[in-house]
Amino acid sequence: METKPLFINKTAIVTGAGQGIGLKICEMLAAEGARVILNDVDESLCETAAASIENNGGTCMAMPGDSSDPAFIQSMVDACTTHWGGVDIAIANAGITLFGDFSDYPVADFDRVMEVNLRGTFYLAQAASNQMKKQDHGGSLLFTSSVTGHQAHKNLAAYGMSKAAIEMLAKNLVSELSSYRININTIAPGATLTERTLLDPAYIETWSRITPMGRPATVEDIGHAALFLVSDHARHITGQSLIIDGGWTAVSPTPY
């Protein structure tokens, strides 16, 4: 029996999606029938990624811009509503990792990590949920956290702090948004093969050795979890964080 696409007639906004996990989520959503706004701060990456999805038969609109800017965030929600009638799914995937020793971590780096990871997530959730409240079917919010929000990792104090805060935001919003039929969850990826991580020639060997399942995650591994949590199959799941790390946080060996 032929199955109906999972996200037919659904609309989605995904930030930080020019490559890596965000792009894979957009590709998978579009393949399942969703109409997707794809955002990235890098205009070239954003346009190329959206065009690739369109060329493969999906419906995708590129919106390059700074996903930590509340005014720009609102413009994405407005565009989704104007073009497609509403916002069903909003995925705050954009994030920045700036390594540094705690003892002399620069103020500028701290501020940028908090702007992108926290302010961007907070205000996308706010703008999208304000639109979802007007819809009789509500919607789904998903935040991208990290295993570093659960387990300490050297030189990532600010980043780990921001990711733990994102998970607390999801829990807190349960009390404010559930009555509007809006669910909120986070995914917490561990080591994942992306364009950025593969710049490290030792990445695959290192994380294959210390991950109980014997390999780092692929972007498809993360994408499948994300799609489940924003699908109708997960409508009664809210305020939760799903760790996708091949068991690393259960044993937590250091990569050093």
C-alpha atoms as a PDB file:
ATOM      1  CA  MET A   1       0.000   0.000   0.000  1.00  0.00           C
ATOM      2  CA  GLU A   2       1.340   3.409  -0.966  1.00  0.00           C
ATOM      3  CA  THR A   3       2.007   5.631   2.037  1.00  0.00           C
ATOM      4  CA  LYS A   4       1.161   9.319   2.181  1.00  0.00           C
ATOM      5  CA  PRO A   5       4.134  11.705   2.562  1.00  0.00           C
ATOM      6  CA  LEU A   6       4.620  12.507   6.237  1.00  0.00           C
ATOM      7  CA  PHE A   7       4.565  16.299   5.895  1.00  0.00           C
ATOM      8  CA  ILE A   8       2.227  16.899   2.969  1.00  0.00           C
ATOM      9  CA  ASN A   9       0.812  20.458   3.121  1.00  0.00           C
ATOM     10  CA  LYS A  10       3.003  21.269   6.153  1.00  0.00           C
ATOM     11  CA  THR A  11       5.284  24.306   6.310  1.00  0.00           C
ATOM     12  CA  ALA A  12       8.645  24.530   8.058  1.00  0.00           C
ATOM     13  CA  ILE A  13      11.370  27.028   8.918  1.00  0.00           C
ATOM     14  CA  VAL A  14      14.874  25.683   9.562  1.00  0.00           C
ATOM     15  CA  THR A  15      17.747  27.951  10.614  1.00  0.00           C
ATOM     16  CA  GLY A  16      21.445  27.274  10.079  1.00  0.00           C
ATOM     17  CA  ALA A  17      20.661  24.961   7.195  1.00  0.00           C
ATOM     18  CA  GLY A  18      23.135  25.790   4.448  1.00  0.00           C
ATOM     19  CA  GLN A  19      24.987  22.540   5.088  1.00  0.00           C
ATOM     20  CA  GLY A  20      25.371  19.738   7.601  1.00  0.00           C
ATOM     21  CA  ILE A  21      22.559  18.680   9.904  1.00  0.00           C
ATOM     22  CA  GLY A  22      20.290  21.598   9.021  1.00  0.00           C
ATOM     23  CA  LEU A  23      20.491  20.969   5.292  1.00  0.00           C
ATOM     24  CA  LYS A  24      19.790  17.262   5.729  1.00  0.00           C
ATOM     25  CA  ILE A  25      16.709  18.057   7.832  1.00  0.00           C
ATOM     26  CA  CYS A  26      15.462  20.399   5.095  1.00  0.00           C
ATOM     27  CA  GLU A  27      16.070  17.781   2.410  1.00  0.00           C
ATOM     28  CA  MET A  28      14.214  15.133   4.393  1.00  0.00           C
ATOM     29  CA  LEU A  29      11.294  17.439   5.197  1.00  0.00           C
ATOM     30  CA  ALA A  30      10.954  18.457   1.533  1.00  0.00           C
ATOM     31  CA  ALA A  31      11.155  14.827   0.407  1.00  0.00           C
ATOM     32  CA  GLU A  32       8.203  14.116   2.701  1.00  0.00           C
ATOM     33  CA  GLY A  33       6.101  16.910   1.205  1.00  0.00           C
ATOM     34  CA  ALA A  34       6.877  19.916   3.422  1.00  0.00           C
ATOM     35  CA  ARG A  35       7.300  23.432   2.074  1.00  0.00           C
ATOM     36  CA  VAL A  36      10.502  24.683   3.652  1.00  0.00           C
ATOM     37  CA  ILE A  37      12.112  28.026   4.378  1.00  0.00           C
ATOM     38  CA  LEU A  38      15.854  27.345   4.498  1.00  0.00           C
ATOM     39  CA  ASN A  39      17.964  29.883   6.369  1.00  0.00           C
ATOM     40  CA  ASP A  40      21.688  30.384   6.665  1.00  0.00           C
ATOM     41  CA  VAL A  41      23.829  33.426   7.412  1.00  0.00           C
ATOM     42  CA  ASP A  42      25.997  32.532   4.389  1.00  0.00           C
ATOM     43  CA  GLU A  43      24.000  33.767   1.390  1.00  0.00           C
ATOM     44  CA  SER A  44      25.788  31.598  -1.168  1.00  0.00           C
ATOM     45  CA  LEU A  45      25.378  28.417   0.886  1.00  0.00           C
ATOM     46  CA  CYS A  46      21.740  29.263   1.532  1.00  0.00           C
ATOM     47  CA  GLU A  47      20.837  29.887  -2.097  1.00  0.00           C
ATOM     48  CA  THR A  48      22.723  26.825  -3.334  1.00  0.00           C
ATOM     49  CA  ALA A  49      21.138  24.532  -0.733  1.00  0.00           C
ATOM     50  CA  ALA A  50      17.602  25.718  -1.474  1.00  0.00           C
ATOM     51  CA  ALA A  51      18.148  25.424  -5.236  1.00  0.00           C
ATOM     52  CA  SER A  52      19.359  21.849  -4.796  1.00  0.00           C
ATOM     53  CA  ILE A  53      16.174  20.910  -2.953  1.00  0.00           C
ATOM     54  CA  GLU A  54      14.025  22.590  -5.609  1.00  0.00           C
ATOM     55  CA  ASN A  55      15.943  20.812  -8.382  1.00  0.00           C
ATOM     56  CA  ASN A  56      15.161  17.510  -6.680  1.00  0.00           C
ATOM     57  CA  GLY A  57      11.431  18.196  -6.707  1.00  0.00           C
ATOM     58  CA  GLY A  58      11.014  19.802  -3.293  1.00  0.00           C
ATOM     59  CA  THR A  59       9.497  23.147  -2.359  1.00  0.00           C
ATOM     60  CA  CYS A  60      12.105  25.328  -0.691  1.00  0.00           C
ATOM     61  CA  MET A  61      12.596  29.073  -0.241  1.00  0.00           C
ATOM     62  CA  ALA A  62      16.030  30.479   0.609  1.00  0.00           C
ATOM     63  CA  MET A  63      16.102  33.208   3.259  1.00  0.00           C
ATOM     64  CA  PRO A  64      19.723  34.157   3.973  1.00  0.00           C
ATOM     65  CA  GLY A  65      20.254  36.271   7.069  1.00  0.00           C
ATOM     66  CA  ASP A  66      21.261  36.417  10.707  1.00  0.00           C
ATOM     67  CA  SER A  67      19.056  34.000  12.641  1.00  0.00           C
ATOM     68  CA  SER A  68      19.953  35.726  15.926  1.00  0.00           C
ATOM     69  CA  ASP A  69      18.247  38.969  14.801  1.00  0.00           C
ATOM     70  CA  PRO A  70      14.641  39.096  16.095  1.00  0.00           C
ATOM     71  CA  ALA A  71      13.529  41.360  13.226  1.00  0.00           C
ATOM     72  CA  PHE A  72      14.907  38.931  10.644  1.00  0.00           C
ATOM     73  CA  ILE A  73      13.347  35.997  12.492  1.00  0.00           C
ATOM     74  CA  GLN A  74       9.962  37.707  12.298  1.00  0.00           C
ATOM     75  CA  SER A  75      10.450  38.266   8.568  1.00  0.00           C
ATOM     76  CA  MET A  76      10.888  34.495   8.075  1.00  0.00           C
ATOM     77  CA  VAL A  77       7.690  33.765   9.978  1.00  0.00           C
ATOM     78  CA  ASP A  78       5.869  36.458   7.987  1.00  0.00           C
ATOM     79  CA  ALA A  79       7.159  35.057   4.686  1.00  0.00           C
ATOM     80  CA  CYS A  80       6.111  31.525   5.583  1.00  0.00           C
ATOM     81  CA  THR A  81       2.642  32.740   6.573  1.00  0.00           C
ATOM     82  CA  THR A  82       2.211  34.992   3.527  1.00  0.00           C
ATOM     83  CA  HIS A  83       3.354  32.415   0.974  1.00  0.00           C
ATOM     84  CA  TRP A  84       1.997  29.225   2.523  1.00  0.00           C
ATOM     85  CA  GLY A  85      -0.668  30.219   5.038  1.00  0.00           C
ATOM     86  CA  GLY A  86       1.046  29.522   8.349  1.00  0.00           C
ATOM     87  CA  VAL A  87       3.930  27.894  10.224  1.00  0.00           C
ATOM     88  CA  ASP A  88       3.591  24.244  11.197  1.00  0.00           C
ATOM     89  CA  ILE A  89       7.211  23.496  12.156  1.00  0.00           C
ATOM     90  CA  ALA A  90      10.045  25.728  13.341  1.00  0.00           C
ATOM     91  CA  ILE A  91      13.485  24.227  13.897  1.00  0.00           C
ATOM     92  CA  ALA A  92      16.097  26.387  15.645  1.00  0.00           C
ATOM     93  CA  ASN A  93      19.172  24.622  14.338  1.00  0.00           C
ATOM     94  CA  ALA A  94      21.590  27.531  13.909  1.00  0.00           C
ATOM     95  CA  GLY A  95      24.452  27.417  16.360  1.00  0.00           C
ATOM     96  CA  ILE A  96      28.039  28.517  16.720  1.00  0.00           C
ATOM     97  CA  THR A  97      30.893  26.728  18.484  1.00  0.00           C
ATOM     98  CA  LEU A  98      33.794  28.884  19.661  1.00  0.00           C
ATOM     99  CA  PHE A  99      36.383  26.905  21.607  1.00  0.00           C
ATOM    100  CA  GLY A 100      38.472  28.591  24.284  1.00  0.00           C
ATOM    101  CA  ASP A 101      40.011  28.185  27.712  1.00  0.00           C
ATOM    102  CA  PHE A 102      37.672  29.367  30.471  1.00  0.00           C
ATOM    103  CA  SER A 103      40.409  31.409  32.167  1.00  0.00           C
ATOM    104  CA  ASP A 104      40.680  33.958  29.355  1.00  0.00           C
ATOM    105  CA  TYR A 105      37.625  33.347  27.167  1.00  0.00           C
ATOM    106  CA  PRO A 106      36.973  36.545  25.159  1.00  0.00           C
ATOM    107  CA  VAL A 107      33.859  38.602  25.855  1.00  0.00           C
ATOM    108  CA  ALA A 108      33.191  38.941  22.121  1.00  0.00           C
ATOM    109  CA  ASP A 109      33.183  35.147  21.691  1.00  0.00           C
ATOM    110  CA  PHE A 110      30.903  34.665  24.695  1.00  0.00           C
ATOM    111  CA  ASP A 111      28.439  37.247  23.410  1.00  0.00           C
ATOM    112  CA  ARG A 112      28.329  35.752  19.909  1.00  0.00           C
ATOM    113  CA  VAL A 113      27.740  32.216  21.208  1.00  0.00           C
ATOM    114  CA  MET A 114      24.851  33.475  23.343  1.00  0.00           C
ATOM    115  CA  GLU A 115      23.409  35.579  20.535  1.00  0.00           C
ATOM    116  CA  VAL A 116      23.267  32.765  18.005  1.00  0.00           C
ATOM    117  CA  ASN A 117      22.583  29.795  20.256  1.00  0.00           C
ATOM    118  CA  LEU A 118      20.259  31.371  22.822  1.00  0.00           C
ATOM    119  CA  ARG A 119      18.780  34.574  21.433  1.00  0.00           C
ATOM    120  CA  GLY A 120      18.211  33.008  18.021  1.00  0.00           C
ATOM    121  CA  THR A 121      16.453  29.992  19.514  1.00  0.00           C
ATOM    122  CA  PHE A 122      14.392  32.036  21.977  1.00  0.00           C
ATOM    123  CA  TYR A 123      13.073  34.488  19.406  1.00  0.00           C
ATOM    124  CA  LEU A 124      12.397  31.917  16.699  1.00  0.00           C
ATOM    125  CA  ALA A 125      10.333  30.016  19.261  1.00  0.00           C
ATOM    126  CA  GLN A 126       8.556  33.227  20.221  1.00  0.00           C
ATOM    127  CA  ALA A 127       7.776  34.396  16.678  1.00  0.00           C
ATOM    128  CA  ALA A 128       6.776  30.961  15.387  1.00  0.00           C
ATOM    129  CA  SER A 129       4.615  30.099  18.388  1.00  0.00           C
ATOM    130  CA  ASN A 130       2.812  33.448  18.200  1.00  0.00           C
ATOM    131  CA  GLN A 131       1.767  32.461  14.678  1.00  0.00           C
ATOM    132  CA  MET A 132       0.978  28.876  15.714  1.00  0.00           C
ATOM    133  CA  LYS A 133      -1.364  30.188  18.422  1.00  0.00           C
ATOM    134  CA  LYS A 134      -3.570  31.585  15.643  1.00  0.00           C
ATOM    135  CA  GLN A 135      -3.802  28.161  13.994  1.00  0.00           C
ATOM    136  CA  ASP A 136      -6.377  25.643  15.210  1.00  0.00           C
ATOM    137  CA  HIS A 137      -3.859  22.819  14.820  1.00  0.00           C
ATOM    138  CA  GLY A 138      -0.958  24.428  16.684  1.00  0.00           C
ATOM    139  CA  GLY A 139       2.499  23.300  15.574  1.00  0.00           C
ATOM    140  CA  SER A 140       5.868  21.865  16.568  1.00  0.00           C
ATOM    141  CA  LEU A 141       9.053  23.549  17.768  1.00  0.00           C
ATOM    142  CA  LEU A 142      12.406  21.788  17.765  1.00  0.00           C
ATOM    143  CA  PHE A 143      15.709  23.073  19.141  1.00  0.00           C
ATOM    144  CA  THR A 144      19.165  21.711  18.384  1.00  0.00           C
ATOM    145  CA  SER A 145      21.083  21.180  21.608  1.00  0.00           C
ATOM    146  CA  SER A 146      24.213  19.054  22.040  1.00  0.00           C
ATOM    147  CA  VAL A 147      25.704  16.308  24.170  1.00  0.00           C
ATOM    148  CA  THR A 148      27.839  19.109  25.628  1.00  0.00           C
ATOM    149  CA  GLY A 149      24.686  20.348  27.326  1.00  0.00           C
ATOM    150  CA  HIS A 150      24.732  17.057  29.264  1.00  0.00           C
ATOM    151  CA  GLN A 151      28.414  16.212  29.597  1.00  0.00           C
ATOM    152  CA  ALA A 152      31.404  18.472  30.220  1.00  0.00           C
ATOM    153  CA  HIS A 153      33.764  18.964  27.305  1.00  0.00           C
ATOM    154  CA  LYS A 154      37.098  20.783  27.580  1.00  0.00           C
ATOM    155  CA  ASN A 155      37.216  24.347  26.183  1.00  0.00           C
ATOM    156  CA  LEU A 156      33.456  24.455  25.581  1.00  0.00           C
ATOM    157  CA  ALA A 157      32.185  26.065  28.785  1.00  0.00           C
ATOM    158  CA  ALA A 158      30.199  28.807  27.031  1.00  0.00           C
ATOM    159  CA  TYR A 159      28.888  26.524  24.293  1.00  0.00           C
ATOM    160  CA  GLY A 160      27.842  23.771  26.712  1.00  0.00           C
ATOM    161  CA  MET A 161      26.156  26.330  28.947  1.00  0.00           C
ATOM    162  CA  SER A 162      24.167  27.672  25.992  1.00  0.00           C
ATOM    163  CA  LYS A 163      23.013  24.198  24.960  1.00  0.00           C
ATOM    164  CA  ALA A 164      21.894  23.278  28.485  1.00  0.00           C
ATOM    165  CA  ALA A 165      19.903  26.527  28.541  1.00  0.00           C
ATOM    166  CA  ILE A 166      18.166  25.624  25.274  1.00  0.00           C
ATOM    167  CA  GLU A 167      16.910  22.404  26.846  1.00  0.00           C
ATOM    168  CA  MET A 168      15.585  24.304  29.850  1.00  0.00           C
ATOM    169  CA  LEU A 169      13.780  26.669  27.489  1.00  0.00           C
ATOM    170  CA  ALA A 170      11.987  23.716  25.878  1.00  0.00           C
ATOM    171  CA  LYS A 171      10.870  22.445  29.284  1.00  0.00           C
ATOM    172  CA  ASN A 172       9.715  25.877  30.389  1.00  0.00           C
ATOM    173  CA  LEU A 173       7.655  26.483  27.259  1.00  0.00           C
ATOM    174  CA  VAL A 174       5.586  23.360  27.931  1.00  0.00           C
ATOM    175  CA  SER A 175       3.736  25.363  30.581  1.00  0.00           C
ATOM    176  CA  GLU A 176       3.099  28.249  28.196  1.00  0.00           C
ATOM    177  CA  LEU A 177       2.335  26.613  24.862  1.00  0.00           C
ATOM    178  CA  SER A 178       0.707  23.223  25.453  1.00  0.00           C
ATOM    179  CA  SER A 179      -2.790  24.671  25.613  1.00  0.00           C
ATOM    180  CA  TYR A 180      -2.296  25.943  22.050  1.00  0.00           C
ATOM    181  CA  ARG A 181      -1.442  22.428  20.790  1.00  0.00           C
ATOM    182  CA  ILE A 182       2.214  23.356  20.358  1.00  0.00           C
ATOM    183  CA  ASN A 183       4.843  20.817  21.385  1.00  0.00           C
ATOM    184  CA  ILE A 184       8.502  21.663  22.021  1.00  0.00           C
ATOM    185  CA  ASN A 185      11.464  19.295  22.091  1.00  0.00           C
ATOM    186  CA  THR A 186      15.213  19.265  21.582  1.00  0.00           C
ATOM    187  CA  ILE A 187      17.653  16.966  19.880  1.00  0.00           C
ATOM    188  CA  ALA A 188      21.153  16.665  21.346  1.00  0.00           C
ATOM    189  CA  PRO A 189      23.556  15.335  18.713  1.00  0.00           C
ATOM    190  CA  GLY A 190      26.918  13.911  19.632  1.00  0.00           C
ATOM    191  CA  ALA A 191      29.853  13.574  17.258  1.00  0.00           C
ATOM    192  CA  THR A 192      28.434  13.898  13.737  1.00  0.00           C
ATOM    193  CA  LEU A 193      30.028  13.737  10.295  1.00  0.00           C
ATOM    194  CA  THR A 194      29.571  17.156   8.670  1.00  0.00           C
ATOM    195  CA  GLU A 195      31.606  19.396   6.392  1.00  0.00           C
ATOM    196  CA  ARG A 196      32.978  21.161   9.476  1.00  0.00           C
ATOM    197  CA  THR A 197      33.932  18.142  11.576  1.00  0.00           C
ATOM    198  CA  LEU A 198      35.523  16.358   8.625  1.00  0.00           C
ATOM    199  CA  LEU A 199      38.081  19.169   8.403  1.00  0.00           C
ATOM    200  CA  ASP A 200      39.757  17.270  11.251  1.00  0.00           C
ATOM    201  CA  PRO A 201      41.568  14.325   9.598  1.00  0.00           C
ATOM    202  CA  ALA A 202      41.483  12.361  12.861  1.00  0.00           C
ATOM    203  CA  TYR A 203      37.776  12.928  13.539  1.00  0.00           C
ATOM    204  CA  ILE A 204      36.374   9.646  12.211  1.00  0.00           C
ATOM    205  CA  GLU A 205      39.061   7.493  13.834  1.00  0.00           C
ATOM    206  CA  THR A 206      38.867   9.289  17.179  1.00  0.00           C
ATOM    207  CA  TRP A 207      35.096   9.224  17.543  1.00  0.00           C
ATOM    208  CA  SER A 208      34.735   5.720  16.133  1.00  0.00           C
ATOM    209  CA  ARG A 209      37.120   4.544  18.838  1.00  0.00           C
ATOM    210  CA  ILE A 210      35.334   6.209  21.772  1.00  0.00           C
ATOM    211  CA  THR A 211      31.703   5.844  20.647  1.00  0.00           C
ATOM    212  CA  PRO A 212      30.098   2.611  21.920  1.00  0.00           C
ATOM    213  CA  MET A 213      28.258   2.047  18.634  1.00  0.00           C
ATOM    214  CA  GLY A 214      31.580   2.210  16.814  1.00  0.00           C
ATOM    215  CA  ARG A 215      31.091   5.281  14.659  1.00  0.00           C
ATOM    216  CA  PRO A 216      30.089   8.937  14.779  1.00  0.00           C
ATOM    217  CA  ALA A 217      26.571   9.864  13.680  1.00  0.00           C
ATOM    218  CA  THR A 218      25.676  10.737  10.115  1.00  0.00           C
ATOM    219  CA  VAL A 219      23.479  13.714   9.329  1.00  0.00           C
ATOM    220  CA  GLU A 220      20.790  11.187   8.363  1.00  0.00           C
ATOM    221  CA  ASP A 221      20.894   9.762  11.902  1.00  0.00           C
ATOM    222  CA  ILE A 222      20.145  13.206  13.301  1.00  0.00           C
ATOM    223  CA  GLY A 223      17.603  14.005  10.580  1.00  0.00           C
ATOM    224  CA  HIS A 224      15.491  10.910  11.264  1.00  0.00           C
ATOM    225  CA  ALA A 225      15.230  11.846  14.952  1.00  0.00           C
ATOM    226  CA  ALA A 226      14.340  15.438  14.100  1.00  0.00           C
ATOM    227  CA  LEU A 227      11.621  14.444  11.652  1.00  0.00           C
ATOM    228  CA  PHE A 228      10.044  12.097  14.170  1.00  0.00           C
ATOM    229  CA  LEU A 229       9.828  14.824  16.826  1.00  0.00           C
ATOM    230  CA  VAL A 230       8.138  17.341  14.499  1.00  0.00           C
ATOM    231  CA  SER A 231       5.784  14.760  12.992  1.00  0.00           C
ATOM    232  CA  ASP A 232       2.251  13.885  14.032  1.00  0.00           C
ATOM    233  CA  HIS A 233       3.666  10.663  15.503  1.00  0.00           C
ATOM    234  CA  ALA A 234       5.231  12.730  18.323  1.00  0.00           C
ATOM    235  CA  ARG A 235       2.361  15.088  19.118  1.00  0.00           C
ATOM    236  CA  HIS A 236       2.155  13.831  22.733  1.00  0.00           C
ATOM    237  CA  ILE A 237       5.904  14.220  23.301  1.00  0.00           C
ATOM    238  CA  THR A 238       6.918  17.620  24.647  1.00  0.00           C
ATOM    239  CA  GLY A 239       9.577  19.160  26.857  1.00  0.00           C
ATOM    240  CA  GLN A 240      11.990  16.329  26.103  1.00  0.00           C
ATOM    241  CA  SER A 241      15.562  16.085  24.860  1.00  0.00           C
ATOM    242  CA  LEU A 242      16.615  13.187  22.667  1.00  0.00           C
ATOM    243  CA  ILE A 243      20.348  12.430  22.790  1.00  0.00           C
ATOM    244  CA  ILE A 244      21.698  10.991  19.527  1.00  0.00           C
ATOM    245  CA  ASP A 245      25.279  10.007  20.209  1.00  0.00           C
ATOM    246  CA  GLY A 246      25.778   6.268  19.743  1.00  0.00           C
ATOM    247  CA  GLY A 247      25.961   5.873  23.508  1.00  0.00           C
ATOM    248  CA  TRP A 248      28.807   8.324  24.137  1.00  0.00           C
ATOM    249  CA  THR A 249      27.191  10.176  27.059  1.00  0.00           C
ATOM    250  CA  ALA A 250      26.494   6.845  28.797  1.00  0.00           C
ATOM    251  CA  VAL A 251      30.217   6.212  29.169  1.00  0.00           C
ATOM    252  CA  SER A 252      31.755   9.593  28.256  1.00  0.00           C
ATOM    253  CA  PRO A 253      35.355   8.787  27.309  1.00  0.00           C
ATOM    254  CA  THR A 254      37.360  11.898  26.485  1.00  0.00           C
ATOM    255  CA  PRO A 255      38.558  12.432  22.905  1.00  0.00           C
ATOM    256  CA  TYR A 256      41.842  13.817  24.234  1.00  0.00           C
END
